[in-house]
Amino acid sequence: MITPGKIIILNGASSSGKTSLVIGSSGSTPTARLTVGKRINKDLSVTYSTNVTSDPNQILAVEYRVSDRLFFIAQFEQASTRKLTARNDNFSFEIRFRKRF
């Protein structure tokens, strides 16, 4: 049983990819999110995440490393599949620049 405010994180990694399962609770509602990632090559990785409990939503992210300091990230989030009338799918694009001091 998961008590309110408790979070359990299970991680696994291999040469073929990365997997994590996060189990927690918000108030009296337990939640669980499964995330699976795969590095295609040294510059490209893909991550898929889904909520496996009461209100499923899915996230697909692609990250491309241009250089050690510049990254492009595209992300698509499919909102709840249960509330089809109030569906809010989101697409986002980020440019990340890293500068070390």
PDB file of N, CA and C in Angstrom:
ATOM      1  N   MET A   1       0.832  -1.177   0.000  1.00  0.00           N
ATOM      2  CA  MET A   1       0.000   0.000   0.000  1.00  0.00           C
ATOM      3  C   MET A   1       0.881   1.246   0.000  1.00  0.00           C
ATOM      4  N   ILE A   2       0.508   2.218  -0.776  1.00  0.00           N
ATOM      5  CA  ILE A   2       1.262   3.459  -0.870  1.00  0.00           C
ATOM      6  C   ILE A   2       0.615   4.494   0.025  1.00  0.00           C
ATOM      7  N   THR A   3       1.392   5.055   0.913  1.00  0.00           N
ATOM      8  CA  THR A   3       0.867   6.082   1.798  1.00  0.00           C
ATOM      9  C   THR A   3       0.997   7.438   1.138  1.00  0.00           C
ATOM     10  N   PRO A   4       0.143   8.403   1.476  1.00  0.00           N
ATOM     11  CA  PRO A   4       0.203   9.723   0.862  1.00  0.00           C
ATOM     12  C   PRO A   4       1.584  10.356   1.025  1.00  0.00           C
ATOM     13  N   GLY A   5       2.067  10.905  -0.096  1.00  0.00           N
ATOM     14  CA  GLY A   5       3.350  11.591  -0.090  1.00  0.00           C
ATOM     15  C   GLY A   5       4.547  10.687  -0.285  1.00  0.00           C
ATOM     16  N   LYS A   6       4.363   9.367  -0.334  1.00  0.00           N
ATOM     17  CA  LYS A   6       5.479   8.446  -0.501  1.00  0.00           C
ATOM     18  C   LYS A   6       5.731   8.197  -1.976  1.00  0.00           C
ATOM     19  N   ILE A   7       7.007   8.193  -2.364  1.00  0.00           N
ATOM     20  CA  ILE A   7       7.372   7.967  -3.761  1.00  0.00           C
ATOM     21  C   ILE A   7       8.376   6.823  -3.814  1.00  0.00           C
ATOM     22  N   ILE A   8       8.161   5.883  -4.721  1.00  0.00           N
ATOM     23  CA  ILE A   8       9.063   4.771  -4.942  1.00  0.00           C
ATOM     24  C   ILE A   8       9.566   4.876  -6.377  1.00  0.00           C
ATOM     25  N   ILE A   9      10.881   4.788  -6.577  1.00  0.00           N
ATOM     26  CA  ILE A   9      11.448   4.882  -7.921  1.00  0.00           C
ATOM     27  C   ILE A   9      12.247   3.615  -8.200  1.00  0.00           C
ATOM     28  N   LEU A  10      11.928   2.940  -9.305  1.00  0.00           N
ATOM     29  CA  LEU A  10      12.654   1.765  -9.743  1.00  0.00           C
ATOM     30  C   LEU A  10      13.316   2.100 -11.070  1.00  0.00           C
ATOM     31  N   ASN A  11      14.626   1.914 -11.163  1.00  0.00           N
ATOM     32  CA  ASN A  11      15.355   2.232 -12.390  1.00  0.00           C
ATOM     33  C   ASN A  11      16.074   1.004 -12.906  1.00  0.00           C
ATOM     34  N   GLY A  12      16.190   0.921 -14.210  1.00  0.00           N
ATOM     35  CA  GLY A  12      16.973  -0.128 -14.840  1.00  0.00           C
ATOM     36  C   GLY A  12      17.655   0.433 -16.059  1.00  0.00           C
ATOM     37  N   ALA A  13      18.859  -0.030 -16.327  1.00  0.00           N
ATOM     38  CA  ALA A  13      19.586   0.444 -17.497  1.00  0.00           C
ATOM     39  C   ALA A  13      20.339  -0.719 -18.114  1.00  0.00           C
ATOM     40  N   SER A  14      20.445  -0.699 -19.425  1.00  0.00           N
ATOM     41  CA  SER A  14      21.225  -1.690 -20.144  1.00  0.00           C
ATOM     42  C   SER A  14      21.810  -1.011 -21.366  1.00  0.00           C
ATOM     43  N   SER A  15      22.539  -1.765 -22.155  1.00  0.00           N
ATOM     44  CA  SER A  15      23.126  -1.171 -23.357  1.00  0.00           C
ATOM     45  C   SER A  15      22.061  -0.794 -24.375  1.00  0.00           C
ATOM     46  N   SER A  16      20.862  -1.394 -24.259  1.00  0.00           N
ATOM     47  CA  SER A  16      19.810  -1.114 -25.234  1.00  0.00           C
ATOM     48  C   SER A  16      18.894   0.036 -24.839  1.00  0.00           C
ATOM     49  N   GLY A  17      18.952   0.499 -23.592  1.00  0.00           N
ATOM     50  CA  GLY A  17      18.086   1.605 -23.209  1.00  0.00           C
ATOM     51  C   GLY A  17      17.975   1.767 -21.717  1.00  0.00           C
ATOM     52  N   LYS A  18      16.993   2.566 -21.306  1.00  0.00           N
ATOM     53  CA  LYS A  18      16.799   2.908 -19.908  1.00  0.00           C
ATOM     54  C   LYS A  18      15.312   2.820 -19.589  1.00  0.00           C
ATOM     55  N   THR A  19      14.981   2.284 -18.401  1.00  0.00           N
ATOM     56  CA  THR A  19      13.591   2.141 -17.983  1.00  0.00           C
ATOM     57  C   THR A  19      13.456   2.605 -16.548  1.00  0.00           C
ATOM     58  N   SER A  20      12.370   3.312 -16.238  1.00  0.00           N
ATOM     59  CA  SER A  20      12.113   3.674 -14.846  1.00  0.00           C
ATOM     60  C   SER A  20      10.617   3.614 -14.578  1.00  0.00           C
ATOM     61  N   LEU A  21      10.283   3.292 -13.346  1.00  0.00           N
ATOM     62  CA  LEU A  21       8.902   3.252 -12.888  1.00  0.00           C
ATOM     63  C   LEU A  21       8.841   4.072 -11.612  1.00  0.00           C
ATOM     64  N   VAL A  22       7.997   5.102 -11.602  1.00  0.00           N
ATOM     65  CA  VAL A  22       7.833   5.962 -10.431  1.00  0.00           C
ATOM     66  C   VAL A  22       6.438   5.735  -9.883  1.00  0.00           C
ATOM     67  N   ILE A  23       6.371   5.357  -8.613  1.00  0.00           N
ATOM     68  CA  ILE A  23       5.089   5.121  -7.954  1.00  0.00           C
ATOM     69  C   ILE A  23       4.984   6.103  -6.798  1.00  0.00           C
ATOM     70  N   GLY A  24       3.898   6.828  -6.726  1.00  0.00           N
ATOM     71  CA  GLY A  24       3.709   7.800  -5.655  1.00  0.00           C
ATOM     72  C   GLY A  24       2.237   8.021  -5.409  1.00  0.00           C
ATOM     73  N   SER A  25       1.955   8.983  -4.588  1.00  0.00           N
ATOM     74  CA  SER A  25       0.552   9.292  -4.339  1.00  0.00           C
ATOM     75  C   SER A  25       0.387  10.779  -4.122  1.00  0.00           C
ATOM     76  N   SER A  26      -0.771  11.242  -4.526  1.00  0.00           N
ATOM     77  CA  SER A  26      -1.141  12.632  -4.356  1.00  0.00           C
ATOM     78  C   SER A  26      -2.454  12.621  -3.592  1.00  0.00           C
ATOM     79  N   GLY A  27      -2.377  12.891  -2.316  1.00  0.00           N
ATOM     80  CA  GLY A  27      -3.577  12.782  -1.494  1.00  0.00           C
ATOM     81  C   GLY A  27      -3.938  11.322  -1.316  1.00  0.00           C
ATOM     82  N   SER A  28      -5.154  10.945  -1.674  1.00  0.00           N
ATOM     83  CA  SER A  28      -5.577   9.553  -1.526  1.00  0.00           C
ATOM     84  C   SER A  28      -5.507   8.788  -2.844  1.00  0.00           C
ATOM     85  N   THR A  29      -5.024   9.423  -3.922  1.00  0.00           N
ATOM     86  CA  THR A  29      -4.972   8.790  -5.232  1.00  0.00           C
ATOM     87  C   THR A  29      -3.555   8.341  -5.566  1.00  0.00           C
ATOM     88  N   PRO A  30      -3.297   7.031  -5.645  1.00  0.00           N
ATOM     89  CA  PRO A  30      -1.967   6.572  -6.024  1.00  0.00           C
ATOM     90  C   PRO A  30      -1.726   6.791  -7.518  1.00  0.00           C
ATOM     91  N   THR A  31      -0.486   7.036  -7.882  1.00  0.00           N
ATOM     92  CA  THR A  31      -0.129   7.226  -9.285  1.00  0.00           C
ATOM     93  C   THR A  31       1.097   6.387  -9.608  1.00  0.00           C
ATOM     94  N   ALA A  32       1.266   6.064 -10.886  1.00  0.00           N
ATOM     95  CA  ALA A  32       2.446   5.343 -11.355  1.00  0.00           C
ATOM     96  C   ALA A  32       2.739   5.792 -12.779  1.00  0.00           C
ATOM     97  N   ARG A  33       4.005   6.059 -13.057  1.00  0.00           N
ATOM     98  CA  ARG A  33       4.421   6.489 -14.390  1.00  0.00           C
ATOM     99  C   ARG A  33       5.560   5.596 -14.843  1.00  0.00           C
ATOM    100  N   LEU A  34       5.417   5.037 -16.043  1.00  0.00           N
ATOM    101  CA  LEU A  34       6.441   4.192 -16.645  1.00  0.00           C
ATOM    102  C   LEU A  34       7.149   4.986 -17.728  1.00  0.00           C
ATOM    103  N   THR A  35       8.475   5.014 -17.677  1.00  0.00           N
ATOM    104  CA  THR A  35       9.273   5.745 -18.661  1.00  0.00           C
ATOM    105  C   THR A  35      10.289   4.798 -19.275  1.00  0.00           C
ATOM    106  N   VAL A  36      10.356   4.796 -20.611  1.00  0.00           N
ATOM    107  CA  VAL A  36      11.297   3.965 -21.345  1.00  0.00           C
ATOM    108  C   VAL A  36      12.063   4.869 -22.296  1.00  0.00           C
ATOM    109  N   GLY A  37      13.389   4.772 -22.272  1.00  0.00           N
ATOM    110  CA  GLY A  37      14.206   5.599 -23.152  1.00  0.00           C
ATOM    111  C   GLY A  37      15.204   4.771 -23.916  1.00  0.00           C
ATOM    112  N   LYS A  38      15.585   5.251 -25.084  1.00  0.00           N
ATOM    113  CA  LYS A  38      16.553   4.558 -25.940  1.00  0.00           C
ATOM    114  C   LYS A  38      17.466   5.587 -26.585  1.00  0.00           C
ATOM    115  N   ARG A  39      18.771   5.390 -26.430  1.00  0.00           N
ATOM    116  CA  ARG A  39      19.746   6.233 -27.122  1.00  0.00           C
ATOM    117  C   ARG A  39      20.004   5.575 -28.478  1.00  0.00           C
ATOM    118  N   ILE A  40      19.608   6.261 -29.546  1.00  0.00           N
ATOM    119  CA  ILE A  40      19.743   5.728 -30.899  1.00  0.00           C
ATOM    120  C   ILE A  40      21.215   5.757 -31.325  1.00  0.00           C
ATOM    121  N   ASN A  41      21.854   6.897 -31.122  1.00  0.00           N
ATOM    122  CA  ASN A  41      23.291   7.033 -31.328  1.00  0.00           C
ATOM    123  C   ASN A  41      23.798   8.077 -30.342  1.00  0.00           C
ATOM    124  N   LYS A  42      25.041   8.516 -30.459  1.00  0.00           N
ATOM    125  CA  LYS A  42      25.577   9.419 -29.439  1.00  0.00           C
ATOM    126  C   LYS A  42      24.894  10.782 -29.411  1.00  0.00           C
ATOM    127  N   ASP A  43      24.174  11.147 -30.464  1.00  0.00           N
ATOM    128  CA  ASP A  43      23.534  12.462 -30.536  1.00  0.00           C
ATOM    129  C   ASP A  43      22.011  12.436 -30.463  1.00  0.00           C
ATOM    130  N   LEU A  44      21.395  11.277 -30.560  1.00  0.00           N
ATOM    131  CA  LEU A  44      19.933  11.186 -30.656  1.00  0.00           C
ATOM    132  C   LEU A  44      19.382  10.197 -29.635  1.00  0.00           C
ATOM    133  N   SER A  45      18.382  10.653 -28.855  1.00  0.00           N
ATOM    134  CA  SER A  45      17.714   9.751 -27.908  1.00  0.00           C
ATOM    135  C   SER A  45      16.211   9.987 -27.967  1.00  0.00           C
ATOM    136  N   VAL A  46      15.460   8.921 -27.669  1.00  0.00           N
ATOM    137  CA  VAL A  46      14.001   8.947 -27.687  1.00  0.00           C
ATOM    138  C   VAL A  46      13.515   8.448 -26.330  1.00  0.00           C
ATOM    139  N   THR A  47      12.504   9.141 -25.761  1.00  0.00           N
ATOM    140  CA  THR A  47      11.935   8.756 -24.472  1.00  0.00           C
ATOM    141  C   THR A  47      10.414   8.695 -24.596  1.00  0.00           C
ATOM    142  N   TYR A  48       9.828   7.628 -24.046  1.00  0.00           N
ATOM    143  CA  TYR A  48       8.380   7.467 -24.016  1.00  0.00           C
ATOM    144  C   TYR A  48       7.967   7.302 -22.560  1.00  0.00           C
ATOM    145  N   SER A  49       6.928   8.013 -22.144  1.00  0.00           N
ATOM    146  CA  SER A  49       6.462   7.944 -20.771  1.00  0.00           C
ATOM    147  C   SER A  49       4.936   7.881 -20.766  1.00  0.00           C
ATOM    148  N   THR A  50       4.394   7.061 -19.874  1.00  0.00           N
ATOM    149  CA  THR A  50       2.946   6.959 -19.766  1.00  0.00           C
ATOM    150  C   THR A  50       2.532   6.810 -18.313  1.00  0.00           C
ATOM    151  N   ASN A  51       1.395   7.367 -17.987  1.00  0.00           N
ATOM    152  CA  ASN A  51       0.801   7.212 -16.668  1.00  0.00           C
ATOM    153  C   ASN A  51      -0.003   5.922 -16.723  1.00  0.00           C
ATOM    154  N   VAL A  52       0.322   4.967 -15.871  1.00  0.00           N
ATOM    155  CA  VAL A  52      -0.320   3.651 -15.952  1.00  0.00           C
ATOM    156  C   VAL A  52      -1.472   3.468 -14.973  1.00  0.00           C
ATOM    157  N   THR A  53      -1.887   4.543 -14.322  1.00  0.00           N
ATOM    158  CA  THR A  53      -2.982   4.426 -13.356  1.00  0.00           C
ATOM    159  C   THR A  53      -4.260   5.048 -13.894  1.00  0.00           C
ATOM    160  N   SER A  54      -5.019   5.671 -13.040  1.00  0.00           N
ATOM    161  CA  SER A  54      -6.391   6.074 -13.313  1.00  0.00           C
ATOM    162  C   SER A  54      -6.574   7.027 -14.495  1.00  0.00           C
ATOM    163  N   ASP A  55      -5.664   7.929 -14.737  1.00  0.00           N
ATOM    164  CA  ASP A  55      -5.848   8.944 -15.785  1.00  0.00           C
ATOM    165  C   ASP A  55      -4.679   8.895 -16.764  1.00  0.00           C
ATOM    166  N   PRO A  56      -4.715   7.983 -17.730  1.00  0.00           N
ATOM    167  CA  PRO A  56      -3.552   7.785 -18.593  1.00  0.00           C
ATOM    168  C   PRO A  56      -3.283   8.964 -19.527  1.00  0.00           C
ATOM    169  N   ASN A  57      -2.035   9.327 -19.619  1.00  0.00           N
ATOM    170  CA  ASN A  57      -1.573  10.260 -20.643  1.00  0.00           C
ATOM    171  C   ASN A  57      -0.214   9.778 -21.101  1.00  0.00           C
ATOM    172  N   GLN A  58       0.224  10.222 -22.270  1.00  0.00           N
ATOM    173  CA  GLN A  58       1.468   9.727 -22.854  1.00  0.00           C
ATOM    174  C   GLN A  58       2.340  10.892 -23.281  1.00  0.00           C
ATOM    175  N   ILE A  59       3.656  10.707 -23.148  1.00  0.00           N
ATOM    176  CA  ILE A  59       4.614  11.720 -23.565  1.00  0.00           C
ATOM    177  C   ILE A  59       5.680  11.052 -24.421  1.00  0.00           C
ATOM    178  N   LEU A  60       5.970  11.639 -25.566  1.00  0.00           N
ATOM    179  CA  LEU A  60       7.038  11.183 -26.438  1.00  0.00           C
ATOM    180  C   LEU A  60       8.004  12.346 -26.626  1.00  0.00           C
ATOM    181  N   ALA A  61       9.280  12.125 -26.338  1.00  0.00           N
ATOM    182  CA  ALA A  61      10.282  13.184 -26.459  1.00  0.00           C
ATOM    183  C   ALA A  61      11.451  12.681 -27.293  1.00  0.00           C
ATOM    184  N   VAL A  62      11.965  13.560 -28.158  1.00  0.00           N
ATOM    185  CA  VAL A  62      13.142  13.278 -28.972  1.00  0.00           C
ATOM    186  C   VAL A  62      14.160  14.365 -28.670  1.00  0.00           C
ATOM    187  N   GLU A  63      15.377  13.954 -28.320  1.00  0.00           N
ATOM    188  CA  GLU A  63      16.435  14.906 -27.997  1.00  0.00           C
ATOM    189  C   GLU A  63      17.596  14.708 -28.966  1.00  0.00           C
ATOM    190  N   TYR A  64      18.018  15.812 -29.580  1.00  0.00           N
ATOM    191  CA  TYR A  64      19.135  15.777 -30.527  1.00  0.00           C
ATOM    192  C   TYR A  64      20.240  16.693 -30.020  1.00  0.00           C
ATOM    193  N   ARG A  65      21.417  16.140 -29.866  1.00  0.00           N
ATOM    194  CA  ARG A  65      22.563  16.915 -29.395  1.00  0.00           C
ATOM    195  C   ARG A  65      23.354  17.410 -30.600  1.00  0.00           C
ATOM    196  N   VAL A  66      23.350  18.722 -30.807  1.00  0.00           N
ATOM    197  CA  VAL A  66      24.089  19.339 -31.916  1.00  0.00           C
ATOM    198  C   VAL A  66      25.569  19.407 -31.561  1.00  0.00           C
ATOM    199  N   SER A  67      25.846  19.792 -30.313  1.00  0.00           N
ATOM    200  CA  SER A  67      27.216  19.863 -29.808  1.00  0.00           C
ATOM    201  C   SER A  67      27.166  19.630 -28.303  1.00  0.00           C
ATOM    202  N   ASP A  68      28.307  19.740 -27.635  1.00  0.00           N
ATOM    203  CA  ASP A  68      28.323  19.566 -26.178  1.00  0.00           C
ATOM    204  C   ASP A  68      27.535  20.654 -25.464  1.00  0.00           C
ATOM    205  N   ARG A  69      27.280  21.759 -26.141  1.00  0.00           N
ATOM    206  CA  ARG A  69      26.587  22.889 -25.510  1.00  0.00           C
ATOM    207  C   ARG A  69      25.191  23.156 -26.053  1.00  0.00           C
ATOM    208  N   LEU A  70      24.799  22.551 -27.166  1.00  0.00           N
ATOM    209  CA  LEU A  70      23.529  22.878 -27.819  1.00  0.00           C
ATOM    210  C   LEU A  70      22.695  21.620 -28.041  1.00  0.00           C
ATOM    211  N   PHE A  71      21.430  21.666 -27.552  1.00  0.00           N
ATOM    212  CA  PHE A  71      20.504  20.545 -27.672  1.00  0.00           C
ATOM    213  C   PHE A  71      19.173  21.039 -28.228  1.00  0.00           C
ATOM    214  N   PHE A  72      18.540  20.216 -29.067  1.00  0.00           N
ATOM    215  CA  PHE A  72      17.175  20.459 -29.526  1.00  0.00           C
ATOM    216  C   PHE A  72      16.304  19.351 -28.944  1.00  0.00           C
ATOM    217  N   ILE A  73      15.148  19.736 -28.393  1.00  0.00           N
ATOM    218  CA  ILE A  73      14.242  18.762 -27.797  1.00  0.00           C
ATOM    219  C   ILE A  73      12.834  19.017 -28.320  1.00  0.00           C
ATOM    220  N   ALA A  74      12.231  17.986 -28.903  1.00  0.00           N
ATOM    221  CA  ALA A  74      10.838  18.051 -29.349  1.00  0.00           C
ATOM    222  C   ALA A  74      10.044  17.097 -28.475  1.00  0.00           C
ATOM    223  N   GLN A  75       8.868  17.552 -28.018  1.00  0.00           N
ATOM    224  CA  GLN A  75       8.063  16.735 -27.110  1.00  0.00           C
ATOM    225  C   GLN A  75       6.592  16.832 -27.481  1.00  0.00           C
ATOM    226  N   PHE A  76       5.931  15.672 -27.479  1.00  0.00           N
ATOM    227  CA  PHE A  76       4.492  15.617 -27.706  1.00  0.00           C
ATOM    228  C   PHE A  76       3.849  14.985 -26.488  1.00  0.00           C
ATOM    229  N   GLU A  77       2.832  15.637 -25.938  1.00  0.00           N
ATOM    230  CA  GLU A  77       2.108  15.095 -24.795  1.00  0.00           C
ATOM    231  C   GLU A  77       0.653  14.905 -25.180  1.00  0.00           C
ATOM    232  N   GLN A  78       0.205  13.663 -25.104  1.00  0.00           N
ATOM    233  CA  GLN A  78      -1.200  13.350 -25.341  1.00  0.00           C
ATOM    234  C   GLN A  78      -1.891  13.371 -23.993  1.00  0.00           C
ATOM    235  N   ALA A  79      -2.859  14.230 -23.862  1.00  0.00           N
ATOM    236  CA  ALA A  79      -3.570  14.381 -22.590  1.00  0.00           C
ATOM    237  C   ALA A  79      -4.409  13.152 -22.303  1.00  0.00           C
ATOM    238  N   SER A  80      -5.155  13.211 -21.261  1.00  0.00           N
ATOM    239  CA  SER A  80      -5.971  12.100 -20.804  1.00  0.00           C
ATOM    240  C   SER A  80      -6.778  11.478 -21.939  1.00  0.00           C
ATOM    241  N   THR A  81      -6.754  10.167 -21.998  1.00  0.00           N
ATOM    242  CA  THR A  81      -7.542   9.476 -23.020  1.00  0.00           C
ATOM    243  C   THR A  81      -8.967   9.209 -22.539  1.00  0.00           C
ATOM    244  N   ARG A  82      -9.226   9.448 -21.273  1.00  0.00           N
ATOM    245  CA  ARG A  82     -10.576   9.214 -20.730  1.00  0.00           C
ATOM    246  C   ARG A  82     -11.496  10.412 -20.912  1.00  0.00           C
ATOM    247  N   LYS A  83     -10.935  11.605 -20.904  1.00  0.00           N
ATOM    248  CA  LYS A  83     -11.749  12.815 -21.040  1.00  0.00           C
ATOM    249  C   LYS A  83     -11.618  13.343 -22.459  1.00  0.00           C
ATOM    250  N   LEU A  84     -12.212  12.632 -23.400  1.00  0.00           N
ATOM    251  CA  LEU A  84     -12.048  12.962 -24.812  1.00  0.00           C
ATOM    252  C   LEU A  84     -12.668  14.300 -25.186  1.00  0.00           C
ATOM    253  N   THR A  85     -13.669  14.755 -24.465  1.00  0.00           N
ATOM    254  CA  THR A  85     -14.293  16.023 -24.807  1.00  0.00           C
ATOM    255  C   THR A  85     -13.428  17.211 -24.392  1.00  0.00           C
ATOM    256  N   ALA A  86     -12.585  17.031 -23.386  1.00  0.00           N
ATOM    257  CA  ALA A  86     -11.741  18.129 -22.901  1.00  0.00           C
ATOM    258  C   ALA A  86     -10.267  17.831 -23.159  1.00  0.00           C
ATOM    259  N   ARG A  87      -9.980  17.225 -24.282  1.00  0.00           N
ATOM    260  CA  ARG A  87      -8.615  16.796 -24.597  1.00  0.00           C
ATOM    261  C   ARG A  87      -7.730  17.990 -24.940  1.00  0.00           C
ATOM    262  N   ASN A  88      -6.546  18.014 -24.365  1.00  0.00           N
ATOM    263  CA  ASN A  88      -5.571  19.065 -24.614  1.00  0.00           C
ATOM    264  C   ASN A  88      -4.229  18.439 -24.927  1.00  0.00           C
ATOM    265  N   ASP A  89      -3.953  18.152 -26.198  1.00  0.00           N
ATOM    266  CA  ASP A  89      -2.664  17.620 -26.601  1.00  0.00           C
ATOM    267  C   ASP A  89      -1.696  18.787 -26.768  1.00  0.00           C
ATOM    268  N   ASN A  90      -0.441  18.581 -26.376  1.00  0.00           N
ATOM    269  CA  ASN A  90       0.558  19.644 -26.443  1.00  0.00           C
ATOM    270  C   ASN A  90       1.781  19.188 -27.224  1.00  0.00           C
ATOM    271  N   PHE A  91       2.306  20.090 -28.027  1.00  0.00           N
ATOM    272  CA  PHE A  91       3.571  19.864 -28.714  1.00  0.00           C
ATOM    273  C   PHE A  91       4.498  21.001 -28.321  1.00  0.00           C
ATOM    274  N   SER A  92       5.718  20.676 -27.947  1.00  0.00           N
ATOM    275  CA  SER A  92       6.663  21.724 -27.568  1.00  0.00           C
ATOM    276  C   SER A  92       8.019  21.458 -28.208  1.00  0.00           C
ATOM    277  N   PHE A  93       8.762  22.526 -28.403  1.00  0.00           N
ATOM    278  CA  PHE A  93      10.095  22.456 -28.980  1.00  0.00           C
ATOM    279  C   PHE A  93      11.010  23.326 -28.129  1.00  0.00           C
ATOM    280  N   GLU A  94      12.121  22.785 -27.690  1.00  0.00           N
ATOM    281  CA  GLU A  94      13.047  23.533 -26.844  1.00  0.00           C
ATOM    282  C   GLU A  94      14.424  23.571 -27.481  1.00  0.00           C
ATOM    283  N   ILE A  95      15.092  24.666 -27.275  1.00  0.00           N
ATOM    284  CA  ILE A  95      16.496  24.791 -27.624  1.00  0.00           C
ATOM    285  C   ILE A  95      17.232  25.043 -26.317  1.00  0.00           C
ATOM    286  N   ARG A  96      18.146  24.156 -25.968  1.00  0.00           N
ATOM    287  CA  ARG A  96      18.889  24.298 -24.716  1.00  0.00           C
ATOM    288  C   ARG A  96      20.352  24.587 -25.034  1.00  0.00           C
ATOM    289  N   PHE A  97      20.839  25.597 -24.376  1.00  0.00           N
ATOM    290  CA  PHE A  97      22.233  25.996 -24.527  1.00  0.00           C
ATOM    291  C   PHE A  97      22.884  25.920 -23.159  1.00  0.00           C
ATOM    292  N   ARG A  98      24.002  25.231 -23.062  1.00  0.00           N
ATOM    293  CA  ARG A  98      24.671  25.081 -21.776  1.00  0.00           C
ATOM    294  C   ARG A  98      25.985  25.864 -21.794  1.00  0.00           C
ATOM    295  N   LYS A  99      26.159  26.670 -20.773  1.00  0.00           N
ATOM    296  CA  LYS A  99      27.384  27.448 -20.591  1.00  0.00           C
ATOM    297  C   LYS A  99      27.909  27.186 -19.197  1.00  0.00           C
ATOM    298  N   ARG A 100      29.153  26.767 -19.084  1.00  0.00           N
ATOM    299  CA  ARG A 100      29.765  26.502 -17.781  1.00  0.00           C
ATOM    300  C   ARG A 100      30.668  27.657 -17.409  1.00  0.00           C
ATOM    301  N   PHE A 101      30.611  28.025 -16.137  1.00  0.00           N
ATOM    302  CA  PHE A 101      31.438  29.123 -15.627  1.00  0.00           C
ATOM    303  C   PHE A 101      32.508  28.589 -14.721  1.00  0.00           C
TER     304      PHE A 101
END
